[in-house]
Protein backbone atom coordinates (compact mmCIF):
# COMPACT_ATOMS: atom_id res chain seq x y z
CA MET A 1 22.60 -1.39 6.36
CA ARG A 2 21.36 0.96 9.04
CA ALA A 3 20.37 4.47 8.08
CA GLN A 4 22.51 7.21 9.56
CA ILE A 5 20.98 10.34 11.01
CA GLU A 6 22.47 13.79 11.37
CA GLU A 7 23.94 14.94 14.67
CA ARG A 8 22.44 18.29 15.66
CA ASN A 9 23.80 20.99 17.97
CA ILE A 10 21.35 21.14 20.88
CA VAL A 11 22.45 24.60 22.08
CA VAL A 12 21.99 26.15 18.62
CA TYR A 13 18.58 24.51 18.17
CA LEU A 14 17.51 25.60 21.66
CA LEU A 15 18.59 29.21 21.07
CA LEU A 16 16.91 29.33 17.66
CA THR A 17 13.71 28.02 19.21
CA LEU A 18 13.82 30.69 21.93
CA VAL A 19 14.75 33.54 19.57
CA THR A 20 11.95 32.65 17.13
CA CYS A 21 9.40 32.30 19.96
CA GLY A 22 8.94 28.60 19.27
CA ILE A 23 8.58 28.66 15.48
CA PHE A 24 11.93 26.92 14.97
CA GLY A 25 10.77 24.40 17.58
CA ILE A 26 8.17 23.14 15.11
CA TYR A 27 10.91 22.46 12.56
CA TRP A 28 13.01 20.81 15.28
CA LEU A 29 10.10 18.56 16.24
CA ILE A 30 9.60 17.56 12.60
CA VAL A 31 13.25 16.58 12.06
CA MET A 32 13.35 14.79 15.43
CA LEU A 33 10.28 12.75 14.56
CA LYS A 34 11.76 11.88 11.17
CA ASP A 35 14.98 10.77 12.87
CA ILE A 36 13.03 8.74 15.43
CA ALA A 37 11.09 7.08 12.60
CA THR A 38 14.34 6.32 10.76
CA THR A 39 16.08 4.82 13.77
CA SER A 40 13.18 3.03 15.44
CA GLY A 41 11.56 1.66 12.31
CA GLU A 42 8.19 3.08 13.42
CA ASP A 43 5.79 4.64 10.92
CA ILE A 44 5.65 8.22 12.22
CA ASN A 45 4.08 11.09 10.28
CA PRO A 46 5.41 14.33 11.83
CA TRP A 47 2.72 16.46 10.20
CA MET A 48 -0.02 14.25 11.64
CA VAL A 49 1.52 14.59 15.11
CA ILE A 50 1.51 18.39 14.78
CA LEU A 51 -2.04 18.45 13.38
CA LEU A 52 -3.42 16.20 16.12
CA THR A 53 -1.60 18.27 18.76
CA ILE A 54 -3.28 21.43 17.44
CA ILE A 55 -6.72 19.80 17.15
CA THR A 56 -6.55 18.38 20.70
CA CYS A 57 -5.20 21.66 22.17
CA GLY A 58 -1.90 20.04 23.11
CA ILE A 59 -3.14 16.80 24.66
CA TYR A 60 -1.83 14.64 21.81
CA GLY A 61 1.55 16.39 22.11
CA ILE A 62 1.72 15.37 25.75
CA TYR A 63 0.91 11.77 24.83
CA TYR A 64 3.47 11.85 22.03
CA SER A 65 6.18 13.07 24.39
CA TYR A 66 5.64 9.83 26.29
CA MET A 67 5.72 7.83 23.05
CA MET A 68 8.99 9.48 21.97
CA GLY A 69 10.62 7.93 25.03
CA LYS A 70 9.35 4.49 24.04
CA TYR A 71 10.47 4.95 20.44
CA MET A 72 13.93 6.08 21.56
CA VAL A 73 14.41 2.85 23.54
CA LYS A 74 13.52 0.87 20.41
CA ALA A 75 15.87 3.02 18.31
CA GLY A 76 18.69 2.37 20.77
CA GLU A 77 18.10 -1.36 20.55
CA ASN A 78 18.20 -1.18 16.74
CA TYR A 79 21.60 0.56 16.89
CA ASN A 80 23.00 -1.38 19.88
CA VAL A 81 23.08 1.80 21.95
CA LYS A 82 21.84 1.86 25.55
CA ILE A 83 19.04 4.42 25.74
CA GLU A 84 17.22 4.80 29.05
CA ASP A 85 13.42 4.70 29.02
CA ASN A 86 12.66 8.31 29.95
CA SER A 87 9.02 8.18 28.84
CA ILE A 88 7.63 9.20 32.24
CA LEU A 89 10.18 12.01 32.58
CA TYR A 90 9.25 13.34 29.11
CA LEU A 91 5.56 13.13 30.03
CA ILE A 92 6.02 15.03 33.31
CA LEU A 93 8.25 17.69 31.72
CA THR A 94 5.74 18.29 28.95
CA ILE A 95 2.75 18.42 31.32
CA PHE A 96 4.48 21.11 33.40
CA GLY A 97 5.40 23.21 30.37
CA PHE A 98 9.01 22.12 29.91
CA GLY A 99 8.55 20.43 26.53
CA ILE A 100 11.67 22.19 25.27
CA VAL A 101 13.69 20.21 27.83
CA THR A 102 12.12 17.05 26.41
CA TYR A 103 13.30 18.12 22.94
CA CYS A 104 16.84 18.59 24.27
CA LEU A 105 16.89 15.21 25.99
CA VAL A 106 15.50 13.38 22.95
CA GLN A 107 17.97 15.17 20.67
CA ASN A 108 20.78 14.15 23.01
CA ASP A 109 19.76 10.50 22.63
CA LEU A 110 19.48 10.93 18.86
CA ASN A 111 22.97 12.45 18.80
CA THR A 112 24.24 9.41 20.72
CA ILE A 113 22.78 7.17 18.04
CA ALA A 114 24.12 9.43 15.27
CA LYS A 115 27.65 9.01 16.65
CA THR A 116 27.48 5.25 16.22
CA LYS A 117 28.76 3.94 12.94
CA ALA A 118 27.24 1.15 10.96
CA PRO A 119 29.39 -1.96 11.16
CA GLU A 120 32.11 -1.86 8.55
CA VAL A 121 32.41 -4.66 6.07
CA ILE A 122 35.89 -6.14 5.98
CA VAL A 123 36.90 -7.33 2.54
CA THR A 124 39.72 -9.79 2.35
CA ASN A 125 41.59 -10.62 -0.78
CA ASP A 126 42.43 -14.33 -0.88
CA ASN A 127 43.96 -14.14 -4.33
CA ASN A 128 47.69 -14.49 -3.66
């Protein structure tokens, strides 16, 4: 059985990130990475991503934006959902300071996966 993830309101998360000057964005990144790990089957430690991003002054975060695109394609395949490979777009957005747009696009893909239901098991009763 496939694990289901929670659908999140992108506008609310975006506004909370802006109002809190990015602090909520850290939480958003953590839950996104957990959802990506759940759906893609990859072993992702959100805290390690944040720590390495801080240690490398943001360089690892740029790299990981690219990797999120690759992981989302794999997650889509696992859930039979067509997810475009936007790795280069995520990389370019993050390099030019629009990482928040990357968050929105990744969350949109996660919401698409969240809307899919696991296949239902049909039970038939042959005892007549």
